[in-house]
């Protein structure tokens, strides 16, 4: 689809469920009601399509371009053979991300509201669950979008199909107002799901993320709300602290993702030949980009120094007669040739390049424990920051080993480190909890890493930890982007409203919550 066609789709939005999106995925047919074979839009079908379009598992093209060429390079989550263009955004691909949010991900969910409003009164109780789950999915995909761009059209967007209140040229809402809206949606959705007594009979099949588990959805909503509240820690501390306190002081009302078995992830069924966006997934992108899949020096050096038990499942050792690791520096000036397997380590091939059973992690128990540790460390809630920090790292180690062992090509499964080994690791000088945000944020960066690159980059921008070494070429420091500039299609088609944000539309202008 050309950019012009996508702009038309945004304005007219007549194709409710795009057939091209998953028409080739016959393996899905037996698993959920197929929206491609329906002649009329139905809420349950749109909900499934909304899950797919929300990109819970990042699709192949996005891994290939936006992640490996930009986000992973800027946040030093993978080692990349860099040059003078390393800080240049892949503009056409980011334009696709923007357009997909407005014409697919968010539009699917808005359309559910339209269809729900038109239902006969006797059907609304059964379909109500999709309204609340849609709020959670929308909060997830909207948070990712506003964290990339900052101010975005939101409150006046998605109205092209309305007969009343239609606005084809929506204003740009401040990121603060967008956050306020989705934080409230998450709270409302969690509360509604707690008391919901009627559930649509097709939900278990249509829900490809959590299989209709409403308690799981509440945990996800509350954990996502906790994540987003912590994002405001420096720009709106009273608001952030209030939300964090509300959640952590009332676990009965606000259950969280606090065990590995409760982590929210998109698990690919082995019978599916292709992922939901076709043409492969993370493994294919990693395999096709050997110059973007080296081990990043800063992260690798930390893990080697502290004998991190995740090291052998995250990075391959150098091709040598002895087991040793060597990371590729990010700075072009520091990258000494030859850059090959004999001199540098790579992302572990069995973990990342040849692991089609790698889940699309959305919210992990380890992340929630890191969030709790930070809340305790800041003094917002009474609790033990060290216990939560130690738990976060232990959960992270188990998650990485489980992900590695999910690979059917791994014949000899690796045992999770023993309690004694974990105790020794948690007491290493560079790992042991020292009461600082820097220690929490650094270990969280390692945990999120290339597994959840968008979250890793957002947290790096929020906390400024770890401190990344300066990238230099020809003696000249290179400035890292801290946001994505608006796509040319938006500047052209919504030019009058764009003027309100034009002055801050640079890659080095921080988003609202990034104030450090």
Protein backbone atom coordinates (compact mmCIF):
# COMPACT_ATOMS: atom_id res chain seq x y z
CA UNK A 1 0.00 0.00 0.00
CA UNK A 2 1.40 3.38 -0.96
CA UNK A 3 1.50 6.28 1.50
CA UNK A 4 -1.23 8.00 -0.49
CA UNK A 5 -3.45 4.95 -0.19
CA UNK A 6 -2.79 4.79 3.54
CA UNK A 7 -3.76 8.43 3.96
CA UNK A 8 -7.02 7.70 2.19
CA UNK A 9 -7.63 4.77 4.50
CA UNK A 10 -7.16 7.05 7.47
CA UNK A 11 -9.66 9.57 6.17
CA UNK A 12 -12.31 7.25 4.87
CA UNK A 13 -11.71 4.15 7.00
CA UNK A 14 -14.19 2.07 4.99
CA UNK A 15 -12.29 -1.18 5.14
CA UNK A 16 -13.05 -2.30 8.66
CA UNK A 17 -11.13 -5.58 8.54
CA UNK A 18 -8.41 -5.55 5.88
CA UNK A 19 -8.37 -8.90 4.13
CA UNK A 20 -4.76 -8.58 3.01
CA UNK A 21 -3.53 -8.46 6.58
CA UNK A 22 -3.95 -12.15 7.33
CA UNK A 23 -5.47 -13.72 4.25
CA UNK A 24 -2.50 -16.02 3.75
CA UNK A 25 -2.60 -17.39 7.27
CA UNK A 26 -4.65 -20.53 6.88
CA UNK A 27 -3.08 -21.90 10.05
CA UNK A 28 -5.11 -19.39 12.05
CA UNK A 29 -8.46 -20.55 10.68
CA UNK A 30 -8.99 -23.39 13.13
CA UNK A 31 -7.96 -21.27 16.09
CA UNK A 32 -10.37 -18.35 15.88
CA UNK A 33 -13.30 -17.13 13.84
CA UNK A 34 -11.78 -15.79 10.63
CA UNK A 35 -12.61 -12.11 10.00
CA UNK A 36 -11.51 -12.45 6.37
CA UNK A 37 -14.43 -14.76 5.65
CA UNK A 38 -17.04 -12.48 7.15
CA UNK A 39 -19.02 -10.16 4.91
CA UNK A 40 -19.96 -7.89 7.80
CA UNK A 41 -17.86 -6.42 10.59
CA UNK A 42 -18.45 -8.01 13.96
CA UNK A 43 -17.08 -6.94 17.29
CA UNK A 44 -15.45 -10.26 18.12
CA UNK A 45 -13.65 -10.32 14.79
CA UNK A 46 -12.48 -6.73 15.17
CA UNK A 47 -11.12 -7.49 18.62
CA UNK A 48 -8.93 -10.25 17.20
CA UNK A 49 -7.83 -7.98 14.39
CA UNK A 50 -7.08 -5.27 16.93
CA UNK A 51 -4.81 -7.62 18.87
CA UNK A 52 -2.95 -8.49 15.68
CA UNK A 53 -2.62 -4.88 14.56
CA UNK A 54 -1.49 -3.69 18.00
CA UNK A 55 1.84 -5.43 17.38
CA UNK A 56 2.12 -7.27 20.67
CA UNK A 57 4.81 -9.34 18.98
CA UNK A 58 6.89 -6.93 16.91
CA UNK A 59 6.67 -8.05 13.29
CA UNK A 60 9.50 -8.86 10.94
CA UNK A 61 9.67 -5.58 9.04
CA UNK A 62 9.71 -3.59 12.25
CA UNK A 63 12.49 -5.74 13.71
CA UNK A 64 14.44 -5.32 10.51
CA UNK A 65 14.16 -1.54 10.17
CA UNK A 66 12.91 0.36 13.20
CA UNK A 67 14.48 -1.86 15.85
CA UNK A 68 17.81 -3.04 14.48
CA UNK A 69 18.62 0.05 12.40
CA UNK A 70 17.45 2.64 14.93
CA UNK A 71 16.20 1.78 18.42
CA UNK A 72 18.68 -0.99 19.19
CA UNK A 73 21.53 1.15 17.89
CA UNK A 74 20.56 4.29 19.83
CA UNK A 75 19.97 2.39 23.10
CA UNK A 76 22.97 0.08 22.53
CA UNK A 77 20.86 -3.07 22.80
CA UNK A 78 22.72 -4.81 20.00
CA UNK A 79 26.11 -4.22 18.43
CA UNK A 80 25.94 -2.56 15.02
CA UNK A 81 28.59 -1.81 12.44
CA UNK A 82 28.01 1.94 12.51
CA UNK A 83 28.92 4.89 10.33
CA UNK A 84 28.00 8.54 9.96
CA UNK A 85 24.35 7.54 9.33
CA UNK A 86 23.86 5.67 12.60
CA UNK A 87 21.69 8.41 14.12
CA UNK A 88 19.51 8.88 11.04
CA UNK A 89 15.94 7.56 11.43
CA UNK A 90 14.61 5.19 8.77
CA UNK A 91 11.94 7.74 7.86
CA UNK A 92 9.80 5.69 5.45
CA UNK A 93 9.48 2.84 7.93
CA UNK A 94 8.59 5.14 10.83
CA UNK A 95 5.94 6.67 8.58
CA UNK A 96 4.50 3.15 8.21
CA UNK A 97 4.44 2.78 12.01
CA UNK A 98 2.54 6.05 12.35
CA UNK A 99 0.08 5.21 9.59
CA UNK A 100 -0.53 1.70 10.89
CA UNK A 101 -1.49 3.10 14.29
CA UNK A 102 -4.06 5.48 12.82
CA UNK A 103 -5.51 3.26 10.09
CA UNK A 104 -5.29 -0.14 11.77
CA UNK A 105 -4.41 -0.56 15.44
CA UNK A 106 -6.37 2.27 17.01
CA UNK A 107 -9.03 2.31 14.28
CA UNK A 108 -9.92 -1.35 14.89
CA UNK A 109 -10.61 -0.57 18.53
CA UNK A 110 -12.56 2.63 17.84
CA UNK A 111 -14.73 0.73 15.39
CA UNK A 112 -15.70 -1.66 18.19
CA UNK A 113 -17.31 1.28 20.02
CA UNK A 114 -19.29 2.20 16.90
CA UNK A 115 -20.60 -1.32 16.45
CA UNK A 116 -21.35 -1.72 20.15
CA UNK A 117 -23.42 1.46 20.20
CA UNK A 118 -25.56 0.08 17.38
CA UNK A 119 -26.25 -3.29 19.04
CA UNK A 120 -29.74 -4.18 20.24
CA UNK A 121 -30.08 -3.70 23.99
CA UNK A 122 -30.35 -7.44 24.66
CA UNK A 123 -26.90 -8.09 23.11
CA UNK A 124 -24.91 -5.37 24.82
CA UNK A 125 -24.25 -7.25 28.05
CA UNK A 126 -22.57 -10.10 26.20
CA UNK A 127 -20.39 -7.82 24.09
CA UNK A 128 -19.46 -5.38 26.85
CA UNK A 129 -16.27 -7.28 27.64
CA UNK A 130 -14.77 -6.25 24.29
CA UNK A 131 -15.18 -2.57 25.20
CA UNK A 132 -13.09 -2.97 28.34
CA UNK A 133 -10.43 -5.17 26.75
CA UNK A 134 -10.27 -2.75 23.84
CA UNK A 135 -9.38 0.06 26.24
CA UNK A 136 -6.42 -1.96 27.51
CA UNK A 137 -5.18 -2.82 24.02
CA UNK A 138 -5.62 0.80 22.93
CA UNK A 139 -3.68 2.03 25.97
CA UNK A 140 -0.79 -0.28 25.09
CA UNK A 141 -0.52 0.72 21.42
CA UNK A 142 -1.19 4.43 22.13
CA UNK A 143 1.49 4.53 24.85
CA UNK A 144 4.03 3.12 22.42
CA UNK A 145 3.03 5.68 19.79
CA UNK A 146 3.15 8.73 22.05
CA UNK A 147 6.43 7.56 23.61
CA UNK A 148 7.96 7.60 20.13
CA UNK A 149 6.56 10.94 18.93
CA UNK A 150 5.40 12.89 21.99
CA UNK A 151 2.33 15.00 21.14
CA UNK A 152 -0.01 13.15 18.78
CA UNK A 153 -3.53 13.57 17.37
CA UNK A 154 -5.76 11.62 19.75
CA UNK A 155 -8.91 13.17 21.22
CA UNK A 156 -10.18 14.35 17.81
CA UNK A 157 -8.73 11.44 15.79
CA UNK A 158 -10.53 8.32 14.48
CA UNK A 159 -13.76 10.16 13.69
CA UNK A 160 -13.79 9.81 9.89
CA UNK A 161 -16.75 7.41 9.89
CA UNK A 162 -18.89 9.42 12.29
CA UNK A 163 -21.87 11.34 10.95
CA UNK A 164 -21.73 13.74 13.92
CA UNK A 165 -18.48 15.23 15.16
CA UNK A 166 -16.42 14.14 12.17
CA UNK A 167 -12.97 15.70 12.08
CA UNK A 168 -10.59 14.85 9.27
CA UNK A 169 -7.90 17.19 10.59
CA UNK A 170 -7.48 16.42 14.30
CA UNK A 171 -5.45 18.63 16.60
CA UNK A 172 -2.25 17.39 18.24
CA UNK A 173 -2.93 16.55 21.87
CA UNK A 174 -0.16 17.06 24.40
CA UNK A 175 1.52 13.90 25.55
CA UNK A 176 0.39 14.73 29.08
CA UNK A 177 -3.27 14.70 28.04
CA UNK A 178 -2.80 11.45 26.11
CA UNK A 179 -1.25 9.84 29.18
CA UNK A 180 -4.08 11.11 31.37
CA UNK A 181 -6.62 9.52 29.02
CA UNK A 182 -5.03 6.09 28.74
CA UNK A 183 -4.18 5.91 32.45
CA UNK A 184 -7.85 6.55 33.20
CA UNK A 185 -8.91 3.97 30.61
CA UNK A 186 -6.72 1.35 32.27
CA UNK A 187 -8.18 2.09 35.69
CA UNK A 188 -11.74 1.99 34.36
CA UNK A 189 -11.18 -1.22 32.41
CA UNK A 190 -9.68 -3.03 35.40
CA UNK A 191 -12.59 -1.97 37.62
CA UNK A 192 -15.19 -3.04 35.06
CA UNK A 193 -13.60 -6.44 34.49
CA UNK A 194 -13.59 -7.08 38.23
CA UNK A 195 -17.38 -7.05 38.39
CA UNK A 196 -18.29 -8.23 34.90
CA UNK A 197 -20.75 -11.11 35.10
CA UNK A 198 -21.48 -11.84 31.43
CA UNK A 199 -18.79 -12.72 28.88
CA UNK A 200 -19.22 -13.25 25.16
CA UNK A 201 -19.00 -16.99 24.34
CA UNK A 202 -16.45 -16.47 21.53
CA UNK A 203 -13.96 -14.56 23.70
CA UNK A 204 -11.77 -17.54 24.60
CA UNK A 205 -11.13 -18.22 20.90
CA UNK A 206 -10.93 -14.62 19.75
CA UNK A 207 -8.49 -13.57 22.48
CA UNK A 208 -5.12 -14.61 21.04
CA UNK A 209 -3.22 -12.92 23.85
CA UNK A 210 -4.72 -14.25 27.09
CA UNK A 211 -7.33 -16.76 25.96
CA UNK A 212 -10.22 -14.97 27.61
CA UNK A 213 -8.62 -14.91 31.08
CA UNK A 214 -10.20 -11.78 32.56
CA UNK A 215 -8.06 -11.93 35.71
CA UNK A 216 -5.03 -12.02 33.43
CA UNK A 217 -6.34 -8.96 31.62
CA UNK A 218 -6.79 -7.15 34.96
CA UNK A 219 -3.21 -7.99 35.89
CA UNK A 220 -2.05 -6.69 32.53
CA UNK A 221 -4.07 -3.47 32.83
CA UNK A 222 -2.80 -2.75 36.34
CA UNK A 223 0.81 -3.59 35.47
CA UNK A 224 0.66 -1.43 32.35
CA UNK A 225 -0.81 1.40 34.41
CA UNK A 226 2.06 0.97 36.89
CA UNK A 227 4.58 1.13 34.04
CA UNK A 228 3.07 4.28 32.58
CA UNK A 229 2.71 5.96 35.97
CA UNK A 230 6.40 5.40 36.64
CA UNK A 231 7.14 7.00 33.27
CA UNK A 232 5.91 10.26 34.86
CA UNK A 233 8.26 9.97 37.84
CA UNK A 234 10.26 13.10 37.03
CA UNK A 235 7.80 15.27 35.14
CA UNK A 236 4.70 14.77 37.30
CA UNK A 237 5.86 13.13 40.51
CA UNK A 238 2.74 13.75 42.66
CA UNK A 239 0.51 12.25 39.97
CA UNK A 240 2.85 9.31 39.44
CA UNK A 241 3.24 8.62 43.15
CA UNK A 242 -0.51 8.75 43.70
CA UNK A 243 -1.21 6.14 41.02
CA UNK A 244 1.64 3.89 42.20
CA UNK A 245 0.39 4.08 45.79
CA UNK A 246 -3.16 3.28 44.75
CA UNK A 247 -2.01 0.14 42.94
CA UNK A 248 0.62 -1.19 45.35
CA UNK A 249 -1.37 -0.54 48.54
CA UNK A 250 -4.43 -2.47 47.33
CA UNK A 251 -3.33 -5.76 45.73
CA UNK A 252 -6.82 -7.25 45.99
CA UNK A 253 -8.27 -4.54 43.77
CA UNK A 254 -5.18 -4.18 41.61
CA UNK A 255 -3.53 -7.59 41.06
CA UNK A 256 -0.28 -7.48 39.10
CA UNK A 257 1.88 -9.71 36.93
CA UNK A 258 4.06 -11.00 39.77
CA UNK A 259 4.99 -14.55 38.77
CA UNK A 260 6.75 -15.85 35.67
CA UNK A 261 3.72 -17.98 34.80
CA UNK A 262 1.58 -14.83 34.76
CA UNK A 263 3.77 -12.85 32.34
CA UNK A 264 1.87 -11.52 29.34
CA UNK A 265 3.34 -12.71 26.06
CA UNK A 266 2.23 -13.62 22.57
CA UNK A 267 3.11 -17.30 22.20
CA UNK A 268 3.41 -18.56 18.67
CA UNK A 269 1.77 -21.93 18.04
CA UNK A 270 4.28 -24.37 16.43
CA UNK A 271 1.69 -25.18 13.75
CA UNK A 272 1.72 -21.61 12.45
CA UNK A 273 4.07 -21.48 9.53
CA UNK A 274 4.27 -17.69 9.55
CA UNK A 275 3.73 -15.06 12.17
CA UNK A 276 0.73 -12.73 12.02
CA UNK A 277 2.40 -10.23 9.70
CA UNK A 278 3.80 -12.96 7.43
CA UNK A 279 7.29 -13.36 6.02
CA UNK A 280 8.93 -14.40 9.25
CA UNK A 281 9.61 -12.74 12.61
CA UNK A 282 12.43 -11.72 14.95
CA UNK A 283 14.50 -14.77 13.97
CA UNK A 284 14.41 -13.95 10.28
CA UNK A 285 15.30 -10.29 10.84
CA UNK A 286 18.19 -11.22 13.13
CA UNK A 287 19.49 -13.77 10.63
CA UNK A 288 19.30 -11.34 7.73
CA UNK A 289 21.15 -8.55 9.53
CA UNK A 290 24.53 -9.96 10.57
CA UNK A 291 26.05 -6.48 10.84
CA UNK A 292 23.34 -5.40 13.33
CA UNK A 293 23.42 -8.51 15.52
CA UNK A 294 26.75 -8.24 17.29
CA UNK A 295 27.02 -8.17 21.07
CA UNK A 296 26.92 -4.55 22.37
CA UNK A 297 30.12 -3.82 24.27
CA UNK A 298 28.66 -1.91 27.23
CA UNK A 299 26.07 -4.55 28.11
CA UNK A 300 28.39 -7.48 27.41
CA UNK A 301 31.20 -6.03 29.53
CA UNK A 302 28.83 -5.58 32.47
CA UNK A 303 27.61 -9.15 32.19
CA UNK A 304 31.12 -10.60 31.83
CA UNK A 305 32.46 -8.62 34.79
CA UNK A 306 29.66 -9.83 37.04
CA UNK A 307 29.57 -13.43 35.73
CA UNK A 308 25.94 -12.90 34.74
CA UNK A 309 24.23 -16.30 34.37
CA UNK A 310 22.23 -14.92 31.40
CA UNK A 311 25.46 -14.46 29.43
CA UNK A 312 25.58 -17.88 27.70
CA UNK A 313 21.94 -17.68 26.53
CA UNK A 314 22.09 -14.06 25.36
CA UNK A 315 25.44 -13.90 23.56
CA UNK A 316 27.61 -16.29 21.58
CA UNK A 317 31.25 -16.46 22.55
CA UNK A 318 33.97 -15.45 20.12
CA UNK A 319 34.94 -18.19 17.66
CA UNK A 320 38.18 -19.12 19.39
CA UNK A 321 39.83 -22.12 21.01
CA UNK A 322 38.85 -20.79 24.43
CA UNK A 323 35.50 -19.49 25.64
CA UNK A 324 35.68 -15.71 25.71
CA UNK A 325 33.43 -12.80 24.92
CA UNK A 326 34.14 -9.49 23.21
CA UNK A 327 31.53 -6.81 22.55
CA UNK A 328 31.43 -4.45 19.58
CA UNK A 329 31.69 -0.78 20.62
CA UNK A 330 28.87 1.47 19.49
CA UNK A 331 31.08 4.36 18.43
CA UNK A 332 32.25 4.03 14.80
CA UNK A 333 35.65 5.40 15.80
CA UNK A 334 36.15 2.58 18.32
CA UNK A 335 35.18 -0.28 16.02
CA UNK A 336 38.45 -1.94 15.12
CA UNK A 337 38.53 -4.21 12.05
CA UNK A 338 38.18 -6.96 11.20
CA UNK A 339 34.64 -7.19 12.53
CA UNK A 340 34.02 -10.93 12.41
CA UNK A 341 33.24 -13.91 14.62
CA UNK A 342 36.91 -14.41 15.48
CA UNK A 343 37.07 -11.00 17.12
CA UNK A 344 33.56 -10.16 18.36
CA UNK A 345 30.63 -11.93 19.98
CA UNK A 346 27.15 -12.02 18.50
CA UNK A 347 23.61 -12.24 19.80
CA UNK A 348 23.17 -15.92 20.65
CA UNK A 349 22.03 -17.73 17.52
CA UNK A 350 19.92 -20.36 19.30
CA UNK A 351 18.18 -17.64 21.28
CA UNK A 352 17.60 -15.00 18.63
CA UNK A 353 18.45 -16.16 15.10
CA UNK A 354 16.95 -19.65 15.07
CA UNK A 355 14.26 -19.59 17.72
CA UNK A 356 10.81 -19.45 16.15
CA UNK A 357 9.29 -20.25 19.55
CA UNK A 358 10.51 -16.95 20.99
CA UNK A 359 7.45 -15.32 22.64
CA UNK A 360 6.50 -11.74 21.99
CA UNK A 361 6.92 -10.46 25.56
CA UNK A 362 4.47 -7.71 26.50
CA UNK A 363 4.63 -7.49 30.31
CA UNK A 364 6.95 -9.64 32.40
CA UNK A 365 6.96 -10.35 36.10
CA UNK A 366 10.57 -9.17 36.22
CA UNK A 367 9.60 -5.72 34.91
CA UNK A 368 6.85 -5.42 37.53
CA UNK A 369 9.34 -6.26 40.29
CA UNK A 370 11.73 -3.60 38.97
CA UNK A 371 8.86 -1.09 39.04
CA UNK A 372 8.04 -2.03 42.62
CA UNK A 373 11.70 -1.76 43.64
CA UNK A 374 11.88 1.75 42.20
CA UNK A 375 8.66 2.76 43.96
CA UNK A 376 10.09 1.55 47.28
CA UNK A 377 13.45 3.17 46.55
CA UNK A 378 11.75 6.52 45.90
CA UNK A 379 9.86 6.21 49.18
CA UNK A 380 6.45 6.38 47.53
CA UNK A 381 5.31 3.13 49.15
CA UNK A 382 6.63 1.28 52.17
CA UNK A 383 8.39 -1.86 51.01
CA UNK A 384 11.75 -3.56 50.62
CA UNK A 385 13.47 -2.27 47.47
CA UNK A 386 16.27 -4.84 47.73
CA UNK A 387 13.87 -7.78 47.95
CA UNK A 388 11.93 -6.56 44.91
CA UNK A 389 15.19 -5.87 43.02
CA UNK A 390 16.60 -9.33 43.80
CA UNK A 391 13.28 -10.89 42.79
CA UNK A 392 13.31 -8.96 39.49
CA UNK A 393 16.75 -10.26 38.54
CA UNK A 394 15.90 -13.83 39.56
CA UNK A 395 12.73 -13.71 37.48
CA UNK A 396 14.69 -12.27 34.56
CA UNK A 397 17.23 -15.08 34.67
CA UNK A 398 14.47 -17.71 34.71
CA UNK A 399 12.67 -15.99 31.84
CA UNK A 400 15.78 -15.93 29.66
CA UNK A 401 16.54 -19.60 30.32
CA UNK A 402 12.93 -20.57 29.64
CA UNK A 403 12.99 -18.63 26.36
CA UNK A 404 16.23 -20.28 25.29
CA UNK A 405 14.93 -23.74 26.15
CA UNK A 406 11.72 -23.15 24.18
CA UNK A 407 13.78 -23.50 21.01
CA UNK A 408 13.10 -26.96 19.59
CA UNK A 409 16.63 -26.93 18.14
CA UNK A 410 18.10 -26.88 21.66
CA UNK A 411 18.53 -30.59 22.31
CA UNK A 412 20.27 -30.27 25.67
CA UNK A 413 18.12 -27.92 27.71
CA UNK A 414 19.98 -25.67 30.14
CA UNK A 415 19.16 -25.84 33.82
CA UNK A 416 18.24 -22.61 35.56
CA UNK A 417 21.10 -21.54 37.90
CA UNK A 418 20.85 -22.99 41.39
CA UNK A 419 19.78 -20.86 44.38
CA UNK A 420 23.42 -20.82 45.53
CA UNK A 421 24.60 -19.58 42.12
CA UNK A 422 21.90 -16.92 42.07
CA UNK A 423 22.82 -15.77 45.57
CA UNK A 424 26.43 -15.41 44.53
CA UNK A 425 25.41 -13.42 41.45
CA UNK A 426 23.12 -11.10 43.40
CA UNK A 427 26.01 -10.30 45.72
CA UNK A 428 28.51 -9.44 42.99
CA UNK A 429 29.84 -5.87 43.40
CA UNK A 430 28.29 -4.62 40.16
CA UNK A 431 24.94 -6.28 40.81
CA UNK A 432 24.26 -6.10 44.56
CA UNK A 433 21.52 -3.62 45.41
CA UNK A 434 23.13 -0.36 46.54
CA UNK A 435 20.08 1.84 47.13
CA UNK A 436 20.40 3.81 43.89
CA UNK A 437 18.09 4.29 40.94
CA UNK A 438 21.10 3.78 38.70
CA UNK A 439 21.52 0.19 39.86
CA UNK A 440 17.81 -0.60 39.38
CA UNK A 441 17.63 1.09 35.97
CA UNK A 442 20.81 -0.56 34.69
CA UNK A 443 19.64 -4.05 35.53
CA UNK A 444 16.24 -3.24 34.05
CA UNK A 445 17.94 -2.13 30.82
CA UNK A 446 19.75 -5.47 30.67
CA UNK A 447 16.51 -7.33 31.31
CA UNK A 448 14.47 -5.49 28.66
CA UNK A 449 17.33 -5.36 26.17
CA UNK A 450 16.74 -6.56 22.65
CA UNK A 451 13.76 -8.59 23.92
CA UNK A 452 11.62 -5.48 24.56
CA UNK A 453 13.54 -2.78 22.69
CA UNK A 454 10.88 -0.03 22.76
CA UNK A 455 10.56 -0.30 26.53
CA UNK A 456 14.33 -0.40 26.96
CA UNK A 457 14.72 2.81 24.92
CA UNK A 458 11.91 4.56 26.77
CA UNK A 459 13.37 3.68 30.17
CA UNK A 460 16.84 4.75 29.08
CA UNK A 461 15.46 8.14 28.07
CA UNK A 462 13.51 8.48 31.33
CA UNK A 463 16.28 7.54 33.76
CA UNK A 464 19.43 8.24 31.68
CA UNK A 465 20.83 4.97 33.04
CA UNK A 466 23.05 3.33 32.20
CA UNK A 467 25.27 6.15 31.01
CA UNK A 468 26.11 5.26 27.42
CA UNK A 469 29.58 5.99 26.03
CA UNK A 470 29.70 8.81 23.51
CA UNK A 471 29.49 7.86 19.84
CA UNK A 472 32.23 9.57 17.83
CA UNK A 473 33.23 9.59 14.19
CA UNK A 474 36.20 11.50 12.81
CA UNK A 475 36.66 13.12 16.20
CA UNK A 476 33.12 14.54 16.07
CA UNK A 477 30.55 13.51 18.72
CA UNK A 478 27.25 12.25 17.35
CA UNK A 479 23.99 13.33 18.99
CA UNK A 480 21.49 10.57 19.73
CA UNK A 481 17.84 11.01 18.76
CA UNK A 482 15.41 11.04 21.68
CA UNK A 483 12.21 10.96 19.64
CA UNK A 484 10.97 10.25 16.11
CA UNK A 485 10.09 13.20 13.89
CA UNK A 486 6.59 13.39 12.45
CA UNK A 487 6.16 11.67 9.07
CA UNK A 488 5.89 13.77 5.95
CA UNK A 489 2.39 12.42 5.30
CA UNK A 490 1.12 13.94 8.55
CA UNK A 491 2.87 17.25 7.94
CA UNK A 492 1.27 17.48 4.50
CA UNK A 493 -2.24 16.20 5.23
CA UNK A 494 -2.66 17.91 8.63
CA UNK A 495 -0.52 20.97 7.97
CA UNK A 496 -2.56 23.54 9.88
CA UNK A 497 -2.53 21.59 13.14
CA UNK A 498 1.09 20.60 12.61
CA UNK A 499 2.09 24.24 13.09
CA UNK A 500 1.34 23.90 16.81
CA UNK A 501 4.08 21.26 17.21
CA UNK A 502 6.43 22.28 14.43
CA UNK A 503 8.92 24.05 16.70
CA UNK A 504 9.63 20.92 18.72
CA UNK A 505 9.60 18.50 15.81
CA UNK A 506 13.28 17.61 15.94
CA UNK A 507 14.94 14.28 16.79
CA UNK A 508 16.73 15.89 19.74
CA UNK A 509 13.66 17.48 21.38
CA UNK A 510 12.68 15.40 24.39
CA UNK A 511 9.15 14.07 24.81
CA UNK A 512 7.13 15.48 27.70
CA UNK A 513 8.13 12.94 30.37
CA UNK A 514 11.82 12.96 29.40
CA UNK A 515 13.04 15.85 31.55
CA UNK A 516 16.38 14.61 32.93
